[in-house]
PDB file of all heavy atoms in Angstrom:
ATOM      1  N   ALA A   1    -116.840-174.784  -7.119  1.00  0.00           N
ATOM      2  CA  ALA A   1    -117.942-174.649  -8.058  1.00  0.00           C
ATOM      3  C   ALA A   1    -119.178-174.353  -7.189  1.00  0.00           C
ATOM      4  O   ALA A   1    -119.343-174.764  -5.990  1.00  0.00           O
ATOM      5  CB  ALA A   1    -118.105-175.847  -8.790  1.00  0.00           C
ATOM      6  N   ASP A   2    -120.139-173.609  -7.808  1.00  0.00           N
ATOM      7  CA  ASP A   2    -121.366-173.274  -7.069  1.00  0.00           C
ATOM      8  C   ASP A   2    -122.102-174.467  -6.596  1.00  0.00           C
ATOM      9  O   ASP A   2    -122.764-174.472  -5.522  1.00  0.00           O
ATOM     10  CB  ASP A   2    -122.246-172.397  -8.010  1.00  0.00           C
ATOM     11  CG  ASP A   2    -121.724-170.977  -8.266  1.00  0.00           C
ATOM     12  OD1 ASP A   2    -120.824-170.525  -7.527  1.00  0.00           O
ATOM     13  OD2 ASP A   2    -122.163-170.418  -9.246  1.00  0.00           O
ATOM     14  N   SER A   3    -122.055-175.555  -7.386  1.00  0.00           N
ATOM     15  CA  SER A   3    -122.749-176.713  -7.064  1.00  0.00           C
ATOM     16  C   SER A   3    -122.286-177.485  -5.805  1.00  0.00           C
ATOM     17  O   SER A   3    -123.021-178.275  -5.149  1.00  0.00           O
ATOM     18  CB  SER A   3    -122.720-177.693  -8.240  1.00  0.00           C
ATOM     19  OG  SER A   3    -121.403-178.066  -8.552  1.00  0.00           O
ATOM     20  N   VAL A   4    -121.063-177.181  -5.340  1.00  0.00           N
ATOM     21  CA  VAL A   4    -120.535-177.912  -4.189  1.00  0.00           C
ATOM     22  C   VAL A   4    -120.125-176.912  -3.041  1.00  0.00           C
ATOM     23  O   VAL A   4    -119.835-177.425  -1.977  1.00  0.00           O
ATOM     24  CB  VAL A   4    -119.231-178.740  -4.584  1.00  0.00           C
ATOM     25  CG1 VAL A   4    -119.583-179.698  -5.711  1.00  0.00           C
ATOM     26  CG2 VAL A   4    -118.072-177.792  -4.926  1.00  0.00           C
ATOM     27  N   ARG A   5    -120.207-175.646  -3.255  1.00  0.00           N
ATOM     28  CA  ARG A   5    -119.821-174.689  -2.229  1.00  0.00           C
ATOM     29  C   ARG A   5    -120.647-174.934  -0.996  1.00  0.00           C
ATOM     30  O   ARG A   5    -121.876-174.934  -1.097  1.00  0.00           O
ATOM     31  CB  ARG A   5    -119.915-173.260  -2.756  1.00  0.00           C
ATOM     32  CG  ARG A   5    -119.387-172.190  -1.787  1.00  0.00           C
ATOM     33  CD  ARG A   5    -119.445-170.793  -2.419  1.00  0.00           C
ATOM     34  NE  ARG A   5    -118.529-170.684  -3.527  1.00  0.00           N
ATOM     35  CZ  ARG A   5    -118.918-170.566  -4.800  1.00  0.00           C
ATOM     36  NH1 ARG A   5    -120.259-170.572  -5.122  1.00  0.00           N
ATOM     37  NH2 ARG A   5    -118.065-170.459  -5.805  1.00  0.00           N
ATOM     38  N   GLY A   6    -119.972-174.953   0.158  1.00  0.00           N
ATOM     39  CA  GLY A   6    -120.707-175.152   1.361  1.00  0.00           C
ATOM     40  C   GLY A   6    -120.810-176.636   1.750  1.00  0.00           C
ATOM     41  O   GLY A   6    -121.135-176.894   2.987  1.00  0.00           O
ATOM     42  N   ARG A   7    -120.570-177.534   0.802  1.00  0.00           N
ATOM     43  CA  ARG A   7    -120.660-178.946   1.088  1.00  0.00           C
ATOM     44  C   ARG A   7    -119.301-179.611   1.036  1.00  0.00           C
ATOM     45  O   ARG A   7    -119.016-180.534   1.769  1.00  0.00           O
ATOM     46  CB  ARG A   7    -121.701-179.659   0.138  1.00  0.00           C
ATOM     47  CG  ARG A   7    -123.072-179.153   0.280  1.00  0.00           C
ATOM     48  CD  ARG A   7    -123.994-180.002  -0.600  1.00  0.00           C
ATOM     49  NE  ARG A   7    -123.671-179.916  -1.988  1.00  0.00           N
ATOM     50  CZ  ARG A   7    -123.347-181.038  -2.758  1.00  0.00           C
ATOM     51  NH1 ARG A   7    -123.322-182.252  -2.210  1.00  0.00           N
ATOM     52  NH2 ARG A   7    -123.101-180.892  -4.086  1.00  0.00           N
ATOM     53  N   PHE A   8    -118.462-179.216   0.105  1.00  0.00           N
ATOM     54  CA  PHE A   8    -117.189-179.799  -0.178  1.00  0.00           C
ATOM     55  C   PHE A   8    -116.091-178.895   0.408  1.00  0.00           C
ATOM     56  O   PHE A   8    -116.192-177.636   0.356  1.00  0.00           O
ATOM     57  CB  PHE A   8    -116.896-180.042  -1.670  1.00  0.00           C
ATOM     58  CG  PHE A   8    -117.810-181.119  -2.235  1.00  0.00           C
ATOM     59  CD1 PHE A   8    -118.865-181.688  -1.622  1.00  0.00           C
ATOM     60  CD2 PHE A   8    -117.514-181.505  -3.585  1.00  0.00           C
ATOM     61  CE1 PHE A   8    -119.630-182.637  -2.122  1.00  0.00           C
ATOM     62  CE2 PHE A   8    -118.285-182.525  -4.175  1.00  0.00           C
ATOM     63  CZ  PHE A   8    -119.335-183.109  -3.445  1.00  0.00           C
ATOM     64  N   THR A   9    -115.007-179.508   0.885  1.00  0.00           N
ATOM     65  CA  THR A   9    -113.835-178.715   1.295  1.00  0.00           C
ATOM     66  C   THR A   9    -112.593-179.308   0.740  1.00  0.00           C
ATOM     67  O   THR A   9    -112.331-180.565   0.865  1.00  0.00           O
ATOM     68  CB  THR A   9    -113.711-178.754   2.871  1.00  0.00           C
ATOM     69  OG1 THR A   9    -114.921-178.139   3.388  1.00  0.00           O
ATOM     70  CG2 THR A   9    -112.516-177.891   3.259  1.00  0.00           C
ATOM     71  N   VAL A  10    -111.734-178.541   0.068  1.00  0.00           N
ATOM     72  CA  VAL A  10    -110.504-179.001  -0.504  1.00  0.00           C
ATOM     73  C   VAL A  10    -109.344-178.602   0.494  1.00  0.00           C
ATOM     74  O   VAL A  10    -109.393-177.449   1.001  1.00  0.00           O
ATOM     75  CB  VAL A  10    -110.227-178.494  -1.879  1.00  0.00           C
ATOM     76  CG1 VAL A  10    -110.186-176.907  -1.935  1.00  0.00           C
ATOM     77  CG2 VAL A  10    -109.007-179.064  -2.526  1.00  0.00           C
ATOM     78  N   SER A  11    -108.453-179.466   0.705  1.00  0.00           N
ATOM     79  CA  SER A  11    -107.318-179.233   1.575  1.00  0.00           C
ATOM     80  C   SER A  11    -106.055-179.957   1.098  1.00  0.00           C
ATOM     81  O   SER A  11    -106.153-180.712   0.233  1.00  0.00           O
ATOM     82  CB  SER A  11    -107.690-179.537   3.042  1.00  0.00           C
ATOM     83  OG  SER A  11    -107.860-180.926   3.173  1.00  0.00           O
ATOM     84  N   ARG A  12    -104.952-179.705   1.695  1.00  0.00           N
ATOM     85  CA  ARG A  12    -103.716-180.371   1.383  1.00  0.00           C
ATOM     86  C   ARG A  12    -102.794-180.516   2.530  1.00  0.00           C
ATOM     87  O   ARG A  12    -102.788-179.725   3.488  1.00  0.00           O
ATOM     88  CB  ARG A  12    -103.043-179.689   0.161  1.00  0.00           C
ATOM     89  CG  ARG A  12    -102.484-178.280   0.525  1.00  0.00           C
ATOM     90  CD  ARG A  12    -102.078-177.579  -0.800  1.00  0.00           C
ATOM     91  NE  ARG A  12    -101.009-178.289  -1.522  1.00  0.00           N
ATOM     92  CZ  ARG A  12    -100.696-178.066  -2.760  1.00  0.00           C
ATOM     93  NH1 ARG A  12    -101.366-177.105  -3.447  1.00  0.00           N
ATOM     94  NH2 ARG A  12     -99.780-178.779  -3.374  1.00  0.00           N
ATOM     95  N   ASP A  13    -101.981-181.564   2.410  1.00  0.00           N
ATOM     96  CA  ASP A  13    -100.934-181.757   3.429  1.00  0.00           C
ATOM     97  C   ASP A  13     -99.630-181.916   2.644  1.00  0.00           C
ATOM     98  O   ASP A  13     -99.337-183.030   2.119  1.00  0.00           O
ATOM     99  CB  ASP A  13    -101.230-183.052   4.247  1.00  0.00           C
ATOM    100  CG  ASP A  13    -100.207-183.297   5.360  1.00  0.00           C
ATOM    101  OD1 ASP A  13     -99.134-182.652   5.336  1.00  0.00           O
ATOM    102  OD2 ASP A  13    -100.520-184.045   6.303  1.00  0.00           O
ATOM    103  N   ASN A  14     -98.871-180.882   2.519  1.00  0.00           N
ATOM    104  CA  ASN A  14     -97.684-180.852   1.709  1.00  0.00           C
ATOM    105  C   ASN A  14     -96.624-181.762   2.225  1.00  0.00           C
ATOM    106  O   ASN A  14     -95.770-182.279   1.504  1.00  0.00           O
ATOM    107  CB  ASN A  14     -97.124-179.448   1.557  1.00  0.00           C
ATOM    108  CG  ASN A  14     -97.976-178.537   0.715  1.00  0.00           C
ATOM    109  OD1 ASN A  14     -98.773-179.029  -0.095  1.00  0.00           O
ATOM    110  ND2 ASN A  14     -97.887-177.252   0.815  1.00  0.00           N
ATOM    111  N   ALA A  15     -96.627-182.022   3.520  1.00  0.00           N
ATOM    112  CA  ALA A  15     -95.649-182.918   4.136  1.00  0.00           C
ATOM    113  C   ALA A  15     -95.838-184.328   3.594  1.00  0.00           C
ATOM    114  O   ALA A  15     -94.924-185.160   3.566  1.00  0.00           O
ATOM    115  CB  ALA A  15     -95.710-182.909   5.660  1.00  0.00           C
ATOM    116  N   LYS A  16     -97.085-184.652   3.270  1.00  0.00           N
ATOM    117  CA  LYS A  16     -97.423-185.996   2.786  1.00  0.00           C
ATOM    118  C   LYS A  16     -97.678-185.980   1.257  1.00  0.00           C
ATOM    119  O   LYS A  16     -97.960-187.077   0.665  1.00  0.00           O
ATOM    120  CB  LYS A  16     -98.752-186.526   3.427  1.00  0.00           C
ATOM    121  CG  LYS A  16     -98.621-186.745   4.934  1.00  0.00           C
ATOM    122  CD  LYS A  16     -99.886-187.261   5.448  1.00  0.00           C
ATOM    123  CE  LYS A  16     -99.876-187.514   7.014  1.00  0.00           C
ATOM    124  NZ  LYS A  16    -101.121-188.044   7.575  1.00  0.00           N
ATOM    125  N   ASP A  17     -97.499-184.838   0.592  1.00  0.00           N
ATOM    126  CA  ASP A  17     -97.815-184.658  -0.834  1.00  0.00           C
ATOM    127  C   ASP A  17     -99.132-185.215  -1.201  1.00  0.00           C
ATOM    128  O   ASP A  17     -99.246-185.927  -2.260  1.00  0.00           O
ATOM    129  CB  ASP A  17     -96.648-185.387  -1.599  1.00  0.00           C
ATOM    130  CG  ASP A  17     -95.309-184.682  -1.560  1.00  0.00           C
ATOM    131  OD1 ASP A  17     -95.241-183.426  -1.366  1.00  0.00           O
ATOM    132  OD2 ASP A  17     -94.265-185.400  -1.784  1.00  0.00           O
ATOM    133  N   THR A  18    -100.099-184.785  -0.431  1.00  0.00           N
ATOM    134  CA  THR A  18    -101.458-185.279  -0.675  1.00  0.00           C
ATOM    135  C   THR A  18    -102.448-184.161  -0.674  1.00  0.00           C
ATOM    136  O   THR A  18    -102.390-183.242   0.171  1.00  0.00           O
ATOM    137  CB  THR A  18    -101.793-186.336   0.483  1.00  0.00           C
ATOM    138  OG1 THR A  18    -100.851-187.352   0.453  1.00  0.00           O
ATOM    139  CG2 THR A  18    -103.225-186.815   0.269  1.00  0.00           C
ATOM    140  N   ILE A  19    -103.470-184.301  -1.592  1.00  0.00           N
ATOM    141  CA  ILE A  19    -104.609-183.366  -1.655  1.00  0.00           C
ATOM    142  C   ILE A  19    -105.801-184.092  -1.212  1.00  0.00           C
ATOM    143  O   ILE A  19    -105.965-185.325  -1.538  1.00  0.00           O
ATOM    144  CB  ILE A  19    -104.772-182.835  -3.113  1.00  0.00           C
ATOM    145  CG1 ILE A  19    -103.449-182.136  -3.578  1.00  0.00           C
ATOM    146  CG2 ILE A  19    -105.902-181.800  -3.106  1.00  0.00           C
ATOM    147  CD1 ILE A  19    -102.995-180.984  -2.810  1.00  0.00           C
ATOM    148  N   TYR A  20    -106.755-183.454  -0.525  1.00  0.00           N
ATOM    149  CA  TYR A  20    -107.939-184.057  -0.079  1.00  0.00           C
ATOM    150  C   TYR A  20    -109.196-183.312  -0.590  1.00  0.00           C
ATOM    151  O   TYR A  20    -109.146-182.149  -0.805  1.00  0.00           O
ATOM    152  CB  TYR A  20    -108.030-184.092   1.472  1.00  0.00           C
ATOM    153  CG  TYR A  20    -106.824-184.753   2.119  1.00  0.00           C
ATOM    154  CD1 TYR A  20    -105.723-184.079   2.615  1.00  0.00           C
ATOM    155  CD2 TYR A  20    -106.852-186.173   2.267  1.00  0.00           C
ATOM    156  CE1 TYR A  20    -104.690-184.735   3.184  1.00  0.00           C
ATOM    157  CE2 TYR A  20    -105.746-186.771   2.851  1.00  0.00           C
ATOM    158  CZ  TYR A  20    -104.701-186.101   3.296  1.00  0.00           C
ATOM    159  OH  TYR A  20    -103.627-186.721   3.914  1.00  0.00           O
ATOM    160  N   LEU A  21    -110.268-184.047  -0.736  1.00  0.00           N
ATOM    161  CA  LEU A  21    -111.568-183.468  -0.968  1.00  0.00           C
ATOM    162  C   LEU A  21    -112.577-184.074  -0.014  1.00  0.00           C
ATOM    163  O   LEU A  21    -112.957-185.276  -0.144  1.00  0.00           O
ATOM    164  CB  LEU A  21    -112.025-183.680  -2.399  1.00  0.00           C
ATOM    165  CG  LEU A  21    -113.285-183.023  -2.781  1.00  0.00           C
ATOM    166  CD1 LEU A  21    -113.206-181.477  -2.805  1.00  0.00           C
ATOM    167  CD2 LEU A  21    -113.789-183.447  -4.118  1.00  0.00           C
ATOM    168  N   GLN A  22    -112.970-183.313   1.010  1.00  0.00           N
ATOM    169  CA  GLN A  22    -113.999-183.743   1.955  1.00  0.00           C
ATOM    170  C   GLN A  22    -115.351-183.434   1.386  1.00  0.00           C
ATOM    171  O   GLN A  22    -115.682-182.289   1.175  1.00  0.00           O
ATOM    172  CB  GLN A  22    -113.766-183.108   3.321  1.00  0.00           C
ATOM    173  CG  GLN A  22    -114.824-183.512   4.351  1.00  0.00           C
ATOM    174  CD  GLN A  22    -114.789-184.856   4.746  1.00  0.00           C
ATOM    175  OE1 GLN A  22    -113.737-185.396   5.019  1.00  0.00           O
ATOM    176  NE2 GLN A  22    -115.921-185.579   4.821  1.00  0.00           N
ATOM    177  N   MET A  23    -116.154-184.382   1.156  1.00  0.00           N
ATOM    178  CA  MET A  23    -117.498-184.251   0.534  1.00  0.00           C
ATOM    179  C   MET A  23    -118.588-184.590   1.603  1.00  0.00           C
ATOM    180  O   MET A  23    -118.650-185.696   2.030  1.00  0.00           O
ATOM    181  CB  MET A  23    -117.654-185.135  -0.657  1.00  0.00           C
ATOM    182  CG  MET A  23    -116.556-184.933  -1.747  1.00  0.00           C
ATOM    183  SD  MET A  23    -116.812-185.887  -3.226  1.00  0.00           S
ATOM    184  CE  MET A  23    -116.534-187.512  -2.529  1.00  0.00           C
ATOM    185  N   ASN A  24    -119.289-183.610   1.986  1.00  0.00           N
ATOM    186  CA  ASN A  24    -120.455-183.786   2.884  1.00  0.00           C
ATOM    187  C   ASN A  24    -121.806-183.583   2.215  1.00  0.00           C
ATOM    188  O   ASN A  24    -121.917-182.957   1.121  1.00  0.00           O
ATOM    189  CB  ASN A  24    -120.310-182.828   4.057  1.00  0.00           C
ATOM    190  CG  ASN A  24    -119.077-183.009   4.892  1.00  0.00           C
ATOM    191  OD1 ASN A  24    -118.560-184.117   5.011  1.00  0.00           O
ATOM    192  ND2 ASN A  24    -118.529-181.907   5.461  1.00  0.00           N
ATOM    193  N   SER A  25    -122.837-184.084   2.852  1.00  0.00           N
ATOM    194  CA  SER A  25    -124.179-183.920   2.308  1.00  0.00           C
ATOM    195  C   SER A  25    -124.310-184.325   0.826  1.00  0.00           C
ATOM    196  O   SER A  25    -124.822-183.490  -0.011  1.00  0.00           O
ATOM    197  CB  SER A  25    -124.681-182.472   2.498  1.00  0.00           C
ATOM    198  OG  SER A  25    -124.674-182.122   3.877  1.00  0.00           O
ATOM    199  N   LEU A  26    -123.747-185.443   0.550  1.00  0.00           N
ATOM    200  CA  LEU A  26    -123.702-185.858  -0.922  1.00  0.00           C
ATOM    201  C   LEU A  26    -125.077-186.068  -1.474  1.00  0.00           C
ATOM    202  O   LEU A  26    -126.002-186.528  -0.748  1.00  0.00           O
ATOM    203  CB  LEU A  26    -122.901-187.177  -0.965  1.00  0.00           C
ATOM    204  CG  LEU A  26    -121.354-187.001  -0.897  1.00  0.00           C
ATOM    205  CD1 LEU A  26    -120.683-188.373  -0.576  1.00  0.00           C
ATOM    206  CD2 LEU A  26    -120.839-186.433  -2.164  1.00  0.00           C
ATOM    207  N   LYS A  27    -125.150-185.723  -2.739  1.00  0.00           N
ATOM    208  CA  LYS A  27    -126.380-185.932  -3.512  1.00  0.00           C
ATOM    209  C   LYS A  27    -126.236-186.733  -4.684  1.00  0.00           C
ATOM    210  O   LYS A  27    -125.061-187.015  -5.130  1.00  0.00           O
ATOM    211  CB  LYS A  27    -126.833-184.477  -4.029  1.00  0.00           C
ATOM    212  CG  LYS A  27    -126.998-183.416  -2.950  1.00  0.00           C
ATOM    213  CD  LYS A  27    -127.267-182.022  -3.563  1.00  0.00           C
ATOM    214  CE  LYS A  27    -127.381-180.978  -2.591  1.00  0.00           C
ATOM    215  NZ  LYS A  27    -127.632-179.643  -3.156  1.00  0.00           N
ATOM    216  N   PRO A  28    -127.286-187.426  -5.212  1.00  0.00           N
ATOM    217  CA  PRO A  28    -127.167-188.251  -6.365  1.00  0.00           C
ATOM    218  C   PRO A  28    -126.454-187.554  -7.583  1.00  0.00           C
ATOM    219  O   PRO A  28    -125.751-188.257  -8.289  1.00  0.00           O
ATOM    220  CB  PRO A  28    -128.588-188.626  -6.649  1.00  0.00           C
ATOM    221  CG  PRO A  28    -129.296-188.575  -5.415  1.00  0.00           C
ATOM    222  CD  PRO A  28    -128.710-187.420  -4.675  1.00  0.00           C
ATOM    223  N   GLU A  29    -126.719-186.263  -7.704  1.00  0.00           N
ATOM    224  CA  GLU A  29    -126.059-185.585  -8.822  1.00  0.00           C
ATOM    225  C   GLU A  29    -124.562-185.373  -8.643  1.00  0.00           C
ATOM    226  O   GLU A  29    -123.867-184.945  -9.536  1.00  0.00           O
ATOM    227  CB  GLU A  29    -126.742-184.193  -9.021  1.00  0.00           C
ATOM    228  CG  GLU A  29    -126.820-183.340  -7.783  1.00  0.00           C
ATOM    229  CD  GLU A  29    -128.252-183.496  -7.137  1.00  0.00           C
ATOM    230  OE1 GLU A  29    -128.690-184.607  -7.044  1.00  0.00           O
ATOM    231  OE2 GLU A  29    -128.766-182.414  -6.722  1.00  0.00           O
ATOM    232  N   ASP A  30    -123.980-185.756  -7.473  1.00  0.00           N
ATOM    233  CA  ASP A  30    -122.583-185.738  -7.300  1.00  0.00           C
ATOM    234  C   ASP A  30    -121.919-187.007  -7.847  1.00  0.00           C
ATOM    235  O   ASP A  30    -120.655-187.098  -7.890  1.00  0.00           O
ATOM    236  CB  ASP A  30    -122.247-185.656  -5.777  1.00  0.00           C
ATOM    237  CG  ASP A  30    -122.679-184.373  -5.188  1.00  0.00           C
ATOM    238  OD1 ASP A  30    -122.481-183.259  -5.866  1.00  0.00           O
ATOM    239  OD2 ASP A  30    -123.137-184.343  -4.048  1.00  0.00           O
ATOM    240  N   THR A  31    -122.688-187.959  -8.304  1.00  0.00           N
ATOM    241  CA  THR A  31    -122.187-189.160  -8.862  1.00  0.00           C
ATOM    242  C   THR A  31    -121.383-188.897 -10.126  1.00  0.00           C
ATOM    243  O   THR A  31    -121.851-188.271 -11.046  1.00  0.00           O
ATOM    244  CB  THR A  31    -123.275-190.134  -9.227  1.00  0.00           C
ATOM    245  OG1 THR A  31    -124.016-190.526  -8.045  1.00  0.00           O
ATOM    246  CG2 THR A  31    -122.778-191.431  -9.904  1.00  0.00           C
ATOM    247  N   ALA A  32    -120.168-189.366 -10.059  1.00  0.00           N
ATOM    248  CA  ALA A  32    -119.180-189.070 -11.198  1.00  0.00           C
ATOM    249  C   ALA A  32    -117.804-189.767 -10.892  1.00  0.00           C
ATOM    250  O   ALA A  32    -117.627-190.232  -9.805  1.00  0.00           O
ATOM    251  CB  ALA A  32    -118.938-187.592 -11.365  1.00  0.00           C
TER     252      ALA A  32
END
């Protein structure tokens, strides 16, 4: 999404069946 591009990174580790969301430079409007 435009609101998170450049700050958030989505990745996955299929060996662990896990998805990640790395969130940097968090803002109050990210609260959810």
